[in-house]
Amino acid sequence: MSQFNAPTYDIARTTGHCAFTGRVLEPGEAYISTLVEVDPNETPAKGDAAALLGFRRVDVSMDAWKEGHRPPKLFGHWKAIVPEPNQKRKLLVDDDVLMNLLRRLADAKEQNRIAFRFVLALILMRKKLLRYDGTAKKQAMVQTTNDDGSATLQEVEQEWWQMTPKLDVSKGMFGKWNEEEAIDVLDPHLDEQQIQQVGEQVSEILNAEL
């Protein structure tokens, strides 16, 4: 997990323009913010902390979105509003988006995405939208990279957090638990500093106080 020991970079809360028309997004304007997948073999540009988590922010104006424009490798999207100058950042990502991202990352194999998913789970737990039920240990074959760049398959014991989501997250912490659905989240064993850094990166990518 050494990639999470890198310095925290500043990520623009919005790219400031529509990716398809190039038009500047004005303060107070609604737009669609998207997450697109980054090639795991791609070297992130300097200052592109979003790519460290395997995703990149791409913003699309409402007009372009309604015309059917979508960025390649689209993973998720949500509606956002360009903040006014000096405006305090508000939560612009609703709980449905967070839960959907958690579910869609269930099959993640890359360490950065596993960390992303784990931190999302911590956020949803704090919001009382996920309930921790226990930990299960499972054996798994994991590919590791040797010093010479070669890959080796190794059997390791993994710890998975067993969790239960809310039936309707729109009701918040007062909603009923969905006892029919179990969500398992792999624990990547991040230390406090790594959790804080990944959390800051997630917050910046989603343009929200989480």
N, C-alpha and C. Protein backbone atom coordinates (compact mmCIF):
# COMPACT_ATOMS: atom_id res chain seq x y z
N MET A 1 0.83 -1.21 0.00
CA MET A 1 0.00 0.00 0.00
C MET A 1 0.86 1.26 0.00
N SER A 2 2.08 1.12 -0.49
CA SER A 2 3.00 2.24 -0.42
C SER A 2 2.53 3.44 -1.21
N GLN A 3 1.65 3.24 -2.21
CA GLN A 3 1.21 4.38 -3.01
C GLN A 3 0.44 5.39 -2.19
N PHE A 4 -0.06 4.98 -1.02
CA PHE A 4 -0.83 5.90 -0.19
C PHE A 4 0.05 6.67 0.78
N ASN A 5 1.36 6.44 0.72
CA ASN A 5 2.27 7.21 1.53
C ASN A 5 2.77 8.44 0.78
N ALA A 6 2.34 8.59 -0.46
CA ALA A 6 2.76 9.75 -1.26
C ALA A 6 2.13 11.01 -0.69
N PRO A 7 2.72 12.19 -0.97
CA PRO A 7 2.14 13.43 -0.48
C PRO A 7 0.71 13.62 -0.99
N THR A 8 -0.09 14.33 -0.22
CA THR A 8 -1.45 14.64 -0.65
C THR A 8 -1.40 15.79 -1.65
N TYR A 9 -1.99 15.59 -2.82
CA TYR A 9 -1.99 16.62 -3.85
C TYR A 9 -3.31 17.39 -3.81
N ASP A 10 -3.30 18.58 -4.35
CA ASP A 10 -4.53 19.35 -4.49
C ASP A 10 -5.22 18.93 -5.78
N ILE A 11 -6.51 18.65 -5.70
CA ILE A 11 -7.31 18.32 -6.89
C ILE A 11 -8.38 19.38 -7.02
N ALA A 12 -8.56 19.90 -8.20
CA ALA A 12 -9.59 20.90 -8.42
C ALA A 12 -10.95 20.33 -8.06
N ARG A 13 -11.76 21.08 -7.34
CA ARG A 13 -13.08 20.60 -6.96
C ARG A 13 -13.99 20.45 -8.17
N THR A 14 -13.70 21.18 -9.20
CA THR A 14 -14.36 20.99 -10.49
C THR A 14 -13.33 21.33 -11.55
N THR A 15 -13.41 20.68 -12.69
CA THR A 15 -12.46 20.99 -13.74
C THR A 15 -12.68 22.39 -14.28
N GLY A 16 -13.88 22.95 -14.04
CA GLY A 16 -14.17 24.32 -14.44
C GLY A 16 -14.72 24.47 -15.84
N HIS A 17 -14.77 23.36 -16.59
CA HIS A 17 -15.31 23.46 -17.95
C HIS A 17 -15.93 22.13 -18.36
N CYS A 18 -16.78 22.18 -19.38
CA CYS A 18 -17.39 20.97 -19.91
C CYS A 18 -16.38 20.22 -20.77
N ALA A 19 -16.25 18.92 -20.55
CA ALA A 19 -15.26 18.12 -21.29
C ALA A 19 -15.59 18.01 -22.77
N PHE A 20 -16.86 18.24 -23.15
CA PHE A 20 -17.26 18.06 -24.55
C PHE A 20 -17.36 19.36 -25.32
N THR A 21 -17.82 20.41 -24.67
CA THR A 21 -17.98 21.68 -25.38
C THR A 21 -16.83 22.65 -25.09
N GLY A 22 -16.12 22.40 -23.98
CA GLY A 22 -15.06 23.31 -23.59
C GLY A 22 -15.57 24.56 -22.91
N ARG A 23 -16.88 24.68 -22.79
CA ARG A 23 -17.48 25.89 -22.19
C ARG A 23 -17.19 25.95 -20.70
N VAL A 24 -16.90 27.15 -20.21
CA VAL A 24 -16.65 27.35 -18.79
C VAL A 24 -17.94 27.15 -18.02
N LEU A 25 -17.90 26.39 -16.94
CA LEU A 25 -19.06 26.19 -16.08
C LEU A 25 -19.14 27.34 -15.09
N GLU A 26 -20.27 28.03 -15.09
CA GLU A 26 -20.42 29.24 -14.29
C GLU A 26 -20.85 28.93 -12.87
N PRO A 27 -20.48 29.79 -11.89
CA PRO A 27 -20.93 29.60 -10.51
C PRO A 27 -22.45 29.48 -10.42
N GLY A 28 -22.92 28.52 -9.66
CA GLY A 28 -24.35 28.28 -9.50
C GLY A 28 -24.95 27.37 -10.56
N GLU A 29 -24.16 27.03 -11.57
CA GLU A 29 -24.65 26.19 -12.67
C GLU A 29 -24.62 24.71 -12.29
N ALA A 30 -25.71 23.99 -12.63
CA ALA A 30 -25.75 22.54 -12.42
C ALA A 30 -25.04 21.85 -13.56
N TYR A 31 -24.34 20.78 -13.25
CA TYR A 31 -23.64 20.00 -14.27
C TYR A 31 -23.57 18.55 -13.79
N ILE A 32 -23.07 17.67 -14.63
CA ILE A 32 -22.90 16.27 -14.26
C ILE A 32 -21.42 15.99 -14.05
N SER A 33 -21.10 15.54 -12.85
CA SER A 33 -19.73 15.15 -12.55
C SER A 33 -19.63 13.64 -12.68
N THR A 34 -18.60 13.16 -13.35
CA THR A 34 -18.48 11.73 -13.60
C THR A 34 -17.14 11.19 -13.08
N LEU A 35 -17.13 9.90 -12.80
CA LEU A 35 -15.90 9.17 -12.52
C LEU A 35 -15.64 8.27 -13.71
N VAL A 36 -14.46 8.38 -14.29
CA VAL A 36 -14.08 7.49 -15.38
C VAL A 36 -12.88 6.66 -14.92
N GLU A 37 -12.82 5.44 -15.40
CA GLU A 37 -11.75 4.54 -15.01
C GLU A 37 -10.44 4.91 -15.69
N VAL A 38 -9.37 4.83 -14.94
CA VAL A 38 -8.04 5.10 -15.45
C VAL A 38 -7.32 3.78 -15.68
N ASP A 39 -6.64 3.66 -16.79
CA ASP A 39 -5.86 2.47 -17.10
C ASP A 39 -4.86 2.24 -15.96
N PRO A 40 -4.88 1.05 -15.32
CA PRO A 40 -3.97 0.81 -14.20
C PRO A 40 -2.50 0.91 -14.59
N ASN A 41 -2.21 0.80 -15.88
CA ASN A 41 -0.82 0.91 -16.34
C ASN A 41 -0.41 2.34 -16.65
N GLU A 42 -1.38 3.24 -16.55
CA GLU A 42 -1.10 4.65 -16.85
C GLU A 42 -0.39 5.30 -15.68
N THR A 43 0.64 6.06 -15.97
CA THR A 43 1.35 6.80 -14.93
C THR A 43 0.62 8.12 -14.68
N PRO A 44 0.11 8.34 -13.44
CA PRO A 44 -0.64 9.57 -13.18
C PRO A 44 0.21 10.81 -13.43
N ALA A 45 -0.43 11.83 -13.98
CA ALA A 45 0.26 13.10 -14.18
C ALA A 45 0.56 13.73 -12.83
N LYS A 46 1.55 14.60 -12.80
CA LYS A 46 1.91 15.27 -11.56
C LYS A 46 0.71 16.04 -11.02
N GLY A 47 0.37 15.80 -9.75
CA GLY A 47 -0.75 16.48 -9.14
C GLY A 47 -2.08 15.80 -9.34
N ASP A 48 -2.10 14.69 -10.10
CA ASP A 48 -3.36 13.99 -10.38
C ASP A 48 -3.58 12.91 -9.34
N ALA A 49 -3.97 13.33 -8.12
CA ALA A 49 -4.16 12.38 -7.04
C ALA A 49 -5.35 11.48 -7.29
N ALA A 50 -6.32 11.96 -8.08
CA ALA A 50 -7.49 11.15 -8.38
C ALA A 50 -7.09 9.83 -9.03
N ALA A 51 -6.12 9.91 -9.94
CA ALA A 51 -5.70 8.72 -10.65
C ALA A 51 -5.05 7.70 -9.73
N LEU A 52 -4.56 8.14 -8.57
CA LEU A 52 -3.99 7.20 -7.61
C LEU A 52 -5.04 6.22 -7.12
N LEU A 53 -6.30 6.59 -7.18
CA LEU A 53 -7.38 5.70 -6.76
C LEU A 53 -8.00 4.98 -7.94
N GLY A 54 -7.44 5.15 -9.12
CA GLY A 54 -7.91 4.42 -10.29
C GLY A 54 -9.03 5.11 -11.04
N PHE A 55 -9.30 6.37 -10.72
CA PHE A 55 -10.38 7.10 -11.38
C PHE A 55 -9.95 8.53 -11.70
N ARG A 56 -10.70 9.15 -12.60
CA ARG A 56 -10.47 10.56 -12.91
C ARG A 56 -11.81 11.26 -13.00
N ARG A 57 -11.85 12.52 -12.53
CA ARG A 57 -13.06 13.33 -12.63
C ARG A 57 -13.19 13.91 -14.02
N VAL A 58 -14.37 13.82 -14.60
CA VAL A 58 -14.68 14.48 -15.87
C VAL A 58 -16.03 15.15 -15.71
N ASP A 59 -16.09 16.45 -15.94
CA ASP A 59 -17.33 17.20 -15.77
C ASP A 59 -17.99 17.47 -17.11
N VAL A 60 -19.32 17.37 -17.12
CA VAL A 60 -20.10 17.53 -18.36
C VAL A 60 -21.24 18.50 -18.10
N SER A 61 -21.41 19.49 -18.96
CA SER A 61 -22.52 20.42 -18.80
C SER A 61 -23.85 19.69 -18.95
N MET A 62 -24.90 20.23 -18.38
CA MET A 62 -26.22 19.59 -18.45
C MET A 62 -26.68 19.48 -19.90
N ASP A 63 -26.42 20.51 -20.70
CA ASP A 63 -26.84 20.47 -22.11
C ASP A 63 -26.16 19.33 -22.85
N ALA A 64 -24.84 19.19 -22.65
CA ALA A 64 -24.10 18.13 -23.33
C ALA A 64 -24.55 16.75 -22.85
N TRP A 65 -24.85 16.65 -21.55
CA TRP A 65 -25.30 15.37 -21.00
C TRP A 65 -26.65 14.97 -21.60
N LYS A 66 -27.56 15.95 -21.69
CA LYS A 66 -28.88 15.67 -22.25
C LYS A 66 -28.81 15.32 -23.73
N GLU A 67 -27.75 15.78 -24.40
CA GLU A 67 -27.56 15.43 -25.81
C GLU A 67 -26.94 14.05 -25.98
N GLY A 68 -26.65 13.40 -24.86
CA GLY A 68 -26.15 12.03 -24.92
C GLY A 68 -24.64 11.87 -24.85
N HIS A 69 -23.92 12.95 -24.58
CA HIS A 69 -22.47 12.86 -24.50
C HIS A 69 -22.05 12.16 -23.20
N ARG A 70 -21.19 11.14 -23.34
CA ARG A 70 -20.69 10.40 -22.19
C ARG A 70 -19.18 10.18 -22.37
N PRO A 71 -18.40 10.36 -21.32
CA PRO A 71 -16.96 10.10 -21.45
C PRO A 71 -16.68 8.60 -21.53
N PRO A 72 -15.61 8.19 -22.21
CA PRO A 72 -15.25 6.78 -22.26
C PRO A 72 -14.94 6.23 -20.86
N LYS A 73 -15.19 4.94 -20.68
CA LYS A 73 -14.89 4.24 -19.42
C LYS A 73 -15.63 4.86 -18.24
N LEU A 74 -16.88 5.29 -18.50
CA LEU A 74 -17.70 5.89 -17.44
C LEU A 74 -17.99 4.85 -16.36
N PHE A 75 -17.72 5.22 -15.10
CA PHE A 75 -17.95 4.31 -13.98
C PHE A 75 -19.13 4.74 -13.12
N GLY A 76 -19.26 6.03 -12.91
CA GLY A 76 -20.37 6.55 -12.10
C GLY A 76 -20.55 8.04 -12.36
N HIS A 77 -21.71 8.57 -11.97
CA HIS A 77 -21.94 10.00 -12.18
C HIS A 77 -22.94 10.51 -11.16
N TRP A 78 -22.96 11.83 -10.98
CA TRP A 78 -23.92 12.47 -10.08
C TRP A 78 -24.06 13.93 -10.48
N LYS A 79 -25.15 14.53 -10.06
CA LYS A 79 -25.40 15.94 -10.35
C LYS A 79 -24.66 16.80 -9.34
N ALA A 80 -24.05 17.87 -9.81
CA ALA A 80 -23.32 18.78 -8.95
C ALA A 80 -23.63 20.22 -9.36
N ILE A 81 -23.22 21.15 -8.52
CA ILE A 81 -23.42 22.57 -8.80
C ILE A 81 -22.10 23.30 -8.58
N VAL A 82 -21.73 24.13 -9.53
CA VAL A 82 -20.50 24.91 -9.40
C VAL A 82 -20.66 25.87 -8.22
N PRO A 83 -19.75 25.82 -7.24
CA PRO A 83 -19.89 26.70 -6.08
C PRO A 83 -19.63 28.16 -6.43
N GLU A 84 -20.24 29.04 -5.66
CA GLU A 84 -19.96 30.46 -5.80
C GLU A 84 -18.55 30.73 -5.27
N PRO A 85 -17.93 31.81 -5.73
CA PRO A 85 -16.59 32.12 -5.22
C PRO A 85 -16.57 32.22 -3.70
N ASN A 86 -15.58 31.57 -3.10
CA ASN A 86 -15.39 31.58 -1.64
C ASN A 86 -16.52 30.89 -0.88
N GLN A 87 -17.38 30.17 -1.60
CA GLN A 87 -18.47 29.46 -0.93
C GLN A 87 -17.92 28.23 -0.21
N LYS A 88 -18.40 27.99 0.99
CA LYS A 88 -17.99 26.80 1.72
C LYS A 88 -18.52 25.57 1.00
N ARG A 89 -17.66 24.58 0.87
CA ARG A 89 -18.05 23.37 0.13
C ARG A 89 -19.16 22.64 0.88
N LYS A 90 -20.18 22.19 0.13
CA LYS A 90 -21.30 21.46 0.69
C LYS A 90 -21.30 20.03 0.16
N LEU A 91 -22.05 19.17 0.84
CA LEU A 91 -22.17 17.80 0.37
C LEU A 91 -22.98 17.77 -0.91
N LEU A 92 -22.32 17.39 -2.01
CA LEU A 92 -22.97 17.39 -3.31
C LEU A 92 -23.22 15.98 -3.83
N VAL A 93 -22.75 14.98 -3.10
CA VAL A 93 -22.92 13.59 -3.50
C VAL A 93 -23.88 12.95 -2.52
N ASP A 94 -25.02 12.45 -3.03
CA ASP A 94 -25.98 11.89 -2.09
C ASP A 94 -25.59 10.47 -1.71
N ASP A 95 -26.28 9.95 -0.69
CA ASP A 95 -25.92 8.65 -0.13
C ASP A 95 -26.14 7.51 -1.12
N ASP A 96 -27.10 7.66 -2.03
CA ASP A 96 -27.32 6.63 -3.05
C ASP A 96 -26.08 6.46 -3.93
N VAL A 97 -25.43 7.58 -4.25
CA VAL A 97 -24.22 7.53 -5.08
C VAL A 97 -23.12 6.79 -4.34
N LEU A 98 -22.93 7.11 -3.05
CA LEU A 98 -21.89 6.44 -2.26
C LEU A 98 -22.14 4.94 -2.17
N MET A 99 -23.39 4.55 -1.92
CA MET A 99 -23.71 3.13 -1.80
C MET A 99 -23.55 2.42 -3.14
N ASN A 100 -23.93 3.09 -4.22
CA ASN A 100 -23.78 2.49 -5.54
C ASN A 100 -22.31 2.28 -5.89
N LEU A 101 -21.46 3.26 -5.55
CA LEU A 101 -20.04 3.09 -5.79
C LEU A 101 -19.47 1.92 -4.98
N LEU A 102 -19.93 1.80 -3.74
CA LEU A 102 -19.47 0.69 -2.90
C LEU A 102 -19.81 -0.66 -3.53
N ARG A 103 -21.03 -0.77 -4.04
CA ARG A 103 -21.46 -2.04 -4.65
C ARG A 103 -20.70 -2.29 -5.95
N ARG A 104 -20.51 -1.26 -6.76
CA ARG A 104 -19.86 -1.44 -8.05
C ARG A 104 -18.38 -1.78 -7.91
N LEU A 105 -17.79 -1.44 -6.79
CA LEU A 105 -16.39 -1.75 -6.56
C LEU A 105 -16.19 -3.11 -5.89
N ALA A 106 -17.25 -3.89 -5.80
CA ALA A 106 -17.19 -5.17 -5.09
C ALA A 106 -16.15 -6.12 -5.67
N ASP A 107 -15.93 -6.06 -6.97
CA ASP A 107 -15.00 -6.98 -7.63
C ASP A 107 -13.62 -6.37 -7.86
N ALA A 108 -13.35 -5.25 -7.21
CA ALA A 108 -12.07 -4.58 -7.40
C ALA A 108 -10.91 -5.48 -6.99
N LYS A 109 -9.87 -5.50 -7.81
CA LYS A 109 -8.67 -6.29 -7.52
C LYS A 109 -7.47 -5.40 -7.24
N GLU A 110 -7.46 -4.19 -7.82
CA GLU A 110 -6.34 -3.28 -7.63
C GLU A 110 -6.34 -2.74 -6.18
N GLN A 111 -5.15 -2.62 -5.61
CA GLN A 111 -5.04 -2.19 -4.22
C GLN A 111 -5.62 -0.79 -4.00
N ASN A 112 -5.44 0.10 -4.98
CA ASN A 112 -5.97 1.44 -4.78
C ASN A 112 -7.49 1.46 -4.74
N ARG A 113 -8.13 0.63 -5.57
CA ARG A 113 -9.60 0.58 -5.58
C ARG A 113 -10.13 -0.14 -4.34
N ILE A 114 -9.38 -1.13 -3.87
CA ILE A 114 -9.77 -1.80 -2.62
C ILE A 114 -9.76 -0.80 -1.47
N ALA A 115 -8.73 0.05 -1.44
CA ALA A 115 -8.65 1.08 -0.41
C ALA A 115 -9.78 2.09 -0.55
N PHE A 116 -10.07 2.49 -1.80
CA PHE A 116 -11.17 3.41 -2.08
C PHE A 116 -12.47 2.84 -1.51
N ARG A 117 -12.74 1.57 -1.79
CA ARG A 117 -13.98 0.93 -1.34
C ARG A 117 -14.03 0.84 0.18
N PHE A 118 -12.90 0.52 0.79
CA PHE A 118 -12.86 0.40 2.25
C PHE A 118 -13.18 1.73 2.91
N VAL A 119 -12.61 2.81 2.39
CA VAL A 119 -12.86 4.13 2.96
C VAL A 119 -14.32 4.54 2.73
N LEU A 120 -14.89 4.20 1.57
CA LEU A 120 -16.32 4.45 1.35
C LEU A 120 -17.15 3.74 2.42
N ALA A 121 -16.77 2.49 2.74
CA ALA A 121 -17.50 1.74 3.76
C ALA A 121 -17.40 2.44 5.12
N LEU A 122 -16.22 2.95 5.45
CA LEU A 122 -16.06 3.67 6.72
C LEU A 122 -16.95 4.91 6.75
N ILE A 123 -17.03 5.61 5.61
CA ILE A 123 -17.88 6.81 5.54
C ILE A 123 -19.34 6.43 5.75
N LEU A 124 -19.79 5.36 5.09
CA LEU A 124 -21.18 4.92 5.22
C LEU A 124 -21.47 4.39 6.62
N MET A 125 -20.49 3.77 7.25
CA MET A 125 -20.66 3.35 8.64
C MET A 125 -20.85 4.56 9.56
N ARG A 126 -20.03 5.59 9.33
CA ARG A 126 -20.11 6.79 10.15
C ARG A 126 -21.47 7.46 9.99
N LYS A 127 -22.03 7.37 8.77
CA LYS A 127 -23.34 7.94 8.50
C LYS A 127 -24.46 7.01 8.95
N LYS A 128 -24.07 5.85 9.53
CA LYS A 128 -25.01 4.83 10.02
C LYS A 128 -25.89 4.28 8.90
N LEU A 129 -25.28 4.13 7.72
CA LEU A 129 -25.98 3.54 6.58
C LEU A 129 -25.46 2.13 6.29
N LEU A 130 -24.39 1.76 6.97
CA LEU A 130 -23.86 0.40 6.94
C LEU A 130 -23.66 -0.06 8.37
N ARG A 131 -23.99 -1.32 8.62
CA ARG A 131 -23.82 -1.89 9.96
C ARG A 131 -22.74 -2.96 9.94
N TYR A 132 -21.77 -2.82 10.81
CA TYR A 132 -20.71 -3.83 10.91
C TYR A 132 -21.23 -5.02 11.71
N ASP A 133 -21.15 -6.21 11.12
CA ASP A 133 -21.67 -7.41 11.77
C ASP A 133 -20.57 -8.36 12.24
N GLY A 134 -19.38 -8.23 11.72
CA GLY A 134 -18.30 -9.13 12.11
C GLY A 134 -17.25 -9.22 11.03
N THR A 135 -16.23 -10.03 11.29
CA THR A 135 -15.14 -10.21 10.34
C THR A 135 -14.98 -11.69 10.01
N ALA A 136 -14.81 -11.98 8.72
CA ALA A 136 -14.57 -13.36 8.27
C ALA A 136 -13.22 -13.43 7.60
N LYS A 137 -12.49 -14.52 7.83
CA LYS A 137 -11.20 -14.72 7.20
C LYS A 137 -11.34 -15.71 6.05
N LYS A 138 -10.75 -15.34 4.90
CA LYS A 138 -10.84 -16.17 3.71
C LYS A 138 -9.47 -16.30 3.08
N GLN A 139 -9.20 -17.46 2.50
CA GLN A 139 -7.96 -17.67 1.76
C GLN A 139 -8.17 -17.23 0.32
N ALA A 140 -7.17 -16.57 -0.24
CA ALA A 140 -7.29 -16.08 -1.62
C ALA A 140 -5.91 -16.09 -2.27
N MET A 141 -5.92 -16.27 -3.59
CA MET A 141 -4.70 -16.20 -4.37
C MET A 141 -4.52 -14.76 -4.84
N VAL A 142 -3.42 -14.15 -4.47
CA VAL A 142 -3.17 -12.74 -4.77
C VAL A 142 -1.88 -12.63 -5.57
N GLN A 143 -1.92 -11.80 -6.62
CA GLN A 143 -0.74 -11.59 -7.44
C GLN A 143 0.11 -10.49 -6.85
N THR A 144 1.37 -10.78 -6.61
CA THR A 144 2.29 -9.79 -6.08
C THR A 144 3.40 -9.53 -7.10
N THR A 145 3.96 -8.33 -7.05
CA THR A 145 5.03 -7.95 -7.97
C THR A 145 6.37 -8.05 -7.27
N ASN A 146 7.28 -8.79 -7.86
CA ASN A 146 8.61 -8.95 -7.29
C ASN A 146 9.49 -7.76 -7.62
N ASP A 147 10.66 -7.71 -6.98
CA ASP A 147 11.58 -6.59 -7.19
C ASP A 147 12.03 -6.49 -8.65
N ASP A 148 12.09 -7.63 -9.33
CA ASP A 148 12.54 -7.61 -10.73
C ASP A 148 11.40 -7.34 -11.71
N GLY A 149 10.20 -7.06 -11.17
CA GLY A 149 9.06 -6.74 -12.03
C GLY A 149 8.22 -7.93 -12.41
N SER A 150 8.66 -9.13 -12.09
CA SER A 150 7.88 -10.32 -12.40
C SER A 150 6.74 -10.48 -11.39
N ALA A 151 5.73 -11.25 -11.78
CA ALA A 151 4.54 -11.45 -10.94
C ALA A 151 4.52 -12.86 -10.36
N THR A 152 4.05 -12.96 -9.13
CA THR A 152 3.95 -14.24 -8.45
C THR A 152 2.58 -14.36 -7.79
N LEU A 153 1.96 -15.53 -7.93
CA LEU A 153 0.71 -15.80 -7.23
C LEU A 153 1.02 -16.38 -5.86
N GLN A 154 0.39 -15.80 -4.86
CA GLN A 154 0.65 -16.24 -3.49
C GLN A 154 -0.67 -16.37 -2.74
N GLU A 155 -0.80 -17.44 -1.98
CA GLU A 155 -2.02 -17.63 -1.19
C GLU A 155 -1.89 -16.85 0.11
N VAL A 156 -2.87 -16.01 0.37
CA VAL A 156 -2.85 -15.18 1.58
C VAL A 156 -4.20 -15.28 2.29
N GLU A 157 -4.18 -14.97 3.56
CA GLU A 157 -5.42 -14.92 4.33
C GLU A 157 -5.91 -13.48 4.37
N GLN A 158 -7.12 -13.27 3.92
CA GLN A 158 -7.70 -11.93 3.89
C GLN A 158 -8.79 -11.80 4.94
N GLU A 159 -8.97 -10.59 5.44
CA GLU A 159 -10.04 -10.30 6.39
C GLU A 159 -11.12 -9.48 5.68
N TRP A 160 -12.34 -9.96 5.75
CA TRP A 160 -13.48 -9.30 5.12
C TRP A 160 -14.47 -8.84 6.19
N TRP A 161 -14.82 -7.57 6.14
CA TRP A 161 -15.84 -7.05 7.05
C TRP A 161 -17.21 -7.43 6.50
N GLN A 162 -18.02 -8.04 7.33
CA GLN A 162 -19.38 -8.42 6.95
C GLN A 162 -20.33 -7.32 7.40
N MET A 163 -21.09 -6.77 6.44
CA MET A 163 -21.87 -5.57 6.72
C MET A 163 -23.28 -5.68 6.16
N THR A 164 -24.18 -4.92 6.76
CA THR A 164 -25.58 -4.87 6.32
C THR A 164 -25.94 -3.42 5.97
N PRO A 165 -26.51 -3.17 4.79
CA PRO A 165 -26.87 -1.80 4.40
C PRO A 165 -28.30 -1.45 4.83
N LYS A 166 -28.61 -0.19 4.76
CA LYS A 166 -29.99 0.25 4.97
C LYS A 166 -30.85 -0.16 3.78
N LEU A 167 -32.11 -0.44 4.05
CA LEU A 167 -33.03 -0.81 2.98
C LEU A 167 -33.29 0.37 2.06
N ASP A 168 -33.39 1.56 2.63
CA ASP A 168 -33.63 2.79 1.86
C ASP A 168 -32.73 3.87 2.44
N VAL A 169 -31.60 4.14 1.75
CA VAL A 169 -30.65 5.09 2.31
C VAL A 169 -31.19 6.51 2.35
N SER A 170 -32.24 6.79 1.57
CA SER A 170 -32.81 8.14 1.57
C SER A 170 -33.43 8.48 2.93
N LYS A 171 -33.73 7.47 3.72
CA LYS A 171 -34.29 7.68 5.07
C LYS A 171 -33.19 7.87 6.10
N GLY A 172 -31.94 7.80 5.65
CA GLY A 172 -30.83 8.05 6.56
C GLY A 172 -30.71 7.02 7.66
N MET A 173 -30.16 7.47 8.78
CA MET A 173 -29.88 6.57 9.89
C MET A 173 -31.15 5.98 10.52
N PHE A 174 -32.30 6.56 10.22
CA PHE A 174 -33.54 6.08 10.83
C PHE A 174 -34.24 5.01 9.99
N GLY A 175 -33.69 4.70 8.82
CA GLY A 175 -34.28 3.67 7.98
C GLY A 175 -34.04 2.27 8.53
N LYS A 176 -34.75 1.30 7.99
CA LYS A 176 -34.62 -0.08 8.43
C LYS A 176 -33.41 -0.73 7.74
N TRP A 177 -32.84 -1.70 8.42
CA TRP A 177 -31.73 -2.45 7.84
C TRP A 177 -32.25 -3.48 6.85
N ASN A 178 -31.51 -3.65 5.77
CA ASN A 178 -31.88 -4.64 4.76
C ASN A 178 -31.25 -5.98 5.13
N GLU A 179 -31.96 -6.75 5.93
CA GLU A 179 -31.42 -8.02 6.43
C GLU A 179 -31.28 -9.06 5.32
N GLU A 180 -31.83 -8.77 4.14
CA GLU A 180 -31.74 -9.71 3.02
C GLU A 180 -30.46 -9.52 2.20
N GLU A 181 -29.72 -8.44 2.46
CA GLU A 181 -28.50 -8.17 1.70
C GLU A 181 -27.29 -8.12 2.62
N ALA A 182 -26.27 -8.85 2.24
CA ALA A 182 -25.00 -8.81 2.97
C ALA A 182 -23.93 -8.22 2.05
N ILE A 183 -23.15 -7.30 2.58
CA ILE A 183 -22.07 -6.69 1.82
C ILE A 183 -20.75 -7.01 2.52
N ASP A 184 -19.84 -7.63 1.79
CA ASP A 184 -18.51 -7.94 2.32
C ASP A 184 -17.51 -6.92 1.79
N VAL A 185 -16.69 -6.38 2.69
CA VAL A 185 -15.71 -5.37 2.32
C VAL A 185 -14.33 -5.85 2.77
N LEU A 186 -13.40 -5.95 1.81
CA LEU A 186 -12.05 -6.39 2.13
C LEU A 186 -11.31 -5.32 2.93
N ASP A 187 -10.72 -5.75 4.03
CA ASP A 187 -9.94 -4.84 4.87
C ASP A 187 -8.50 -4.81 4.37
N PRO A 188 -8.04 -3.68 3.80
CA PRO A 188 -6.67 -3.60 3.28
C PRO A 188 -5.64 -3.28 4.36
N HIS A 189 -6.10 -3.17 5.61
CA HIS A 189 -5.21 -2.89 6.75
C HIS A 189 -4.42 -1.60 6.55
N LEU A 190 -5.16 -0.54 6.27
CA LEU A 190 -4.55 0.79 6.19
C LEU A 190 -4.28 1.31 7.60
N ASP A 191 -3.19 2.05 7.76
CA ASP A 191 -2.99 2.70 9.04
C ASP A 191 -3.77 4.02 9.04
N GLU A 192 -3.76 4.71 10.18
CA GLU A 192 -4.57 5.93 10.32
C GLU A 192 -4.18 6.99 9.29
N GLN A 193 -2.89 7.12 9.04
CA GLN A 193 -2.43 8.13 8.08
C GLN A 193 -2.92 7.79 6.67
N GLN A 194 -2.87 6.52 6.31
CA GLN A 194 -3.33 6.10 4.99
C GLN A 194 -4.83 6.30 4.85
N ILE A 195 -5.59 5.96 5.90
CA ILE A 195 -7.04 6.16 5.86
C ILE A 195 -7.36 7.64 5.68
N GLN A 196 -6.65 8.49 6.40
CA GLN A 196 -6.90 9.93 6.28
C GLN A 196 -6.58 10.42 4.88
N GLN A 197 -5.46 9.95 4.32
CA GLN A 197 -5.07 10.42 2.99
C GLN A 197 -6.04 9.94 1.93
N VAL A 198 -6.41 8.65 1.98
CA VAL A 198 -7.36 8.14 1.00
C VAL A 198 -8.70 8.86 1.16
N GLY A 199 -9.11 9.10 2.41
CA GLY A 199 -10.35 9.83 2.65
C GLY A 199 -10.33 11.22 2.05
N GLU A 200 -9.19 11.91 2.15
CA GLU A 200 -9.08 13.24 1.57
C GLU A 200 -9.16 13.17 0.05
N GLN A 201 -8.53 12.14 -0.53
CA GLN A 201 -8.58 11.99 -1.98
C GLN A 201 -10.01 11.68 -2.44
N VAL A 202 -10.70 10.79 -1.70
CA VAL A 202 -12.09 10.47 -2.04
C VAL A 202 -12.95 11.72 -1.96
N SER A 203 -12.76 12.50 -0.88
CA SER A 203 -13.54 13.72 -0.70
C SER A 203 -13.33 14.71 -1.83
N GLU A 204 -12.07 14.84 -2.27
CA GLU A 204 -11.78 15.77 -3.36
C GLU A 204 -12.35 15.27 -4.69
N ILE A 205 -12.22 13.97 -4.93
CA ILE A 205 -12.74 13.42 -6.18
C ILE A 205 -14.25 13.60 -6.27
N LEU A 206 -14.95 13.35 -5.16
CA LEU A 206 -16.41 13.44 -5.16
C LEU A 206 -16.90 14.87 -4.91
N ASN A 207 -15.95 15.80 -4.66
CA ASN A 207 -16.33 17.19 -4.47
C ASN A 207 -17.30 17.34 -3.31
N ALA A 208 -16.98 16.71 -2.17
CA ALA A 208 -17.92 16.71 -1.06
C ALA A 208 -17.19 16.64 0.26
N GLU A 209 -17.80 17.24 1.29
CA GLU A 209 -17.34 17.08 2.64
C GLU A 209 -17.89 15.75 3.15
N LEU A 210 -17.02 14.74 3.30
CA LEU A 210 -17.48 13.41 3.71
C LEU A 210 -17.05 13.10 5.13
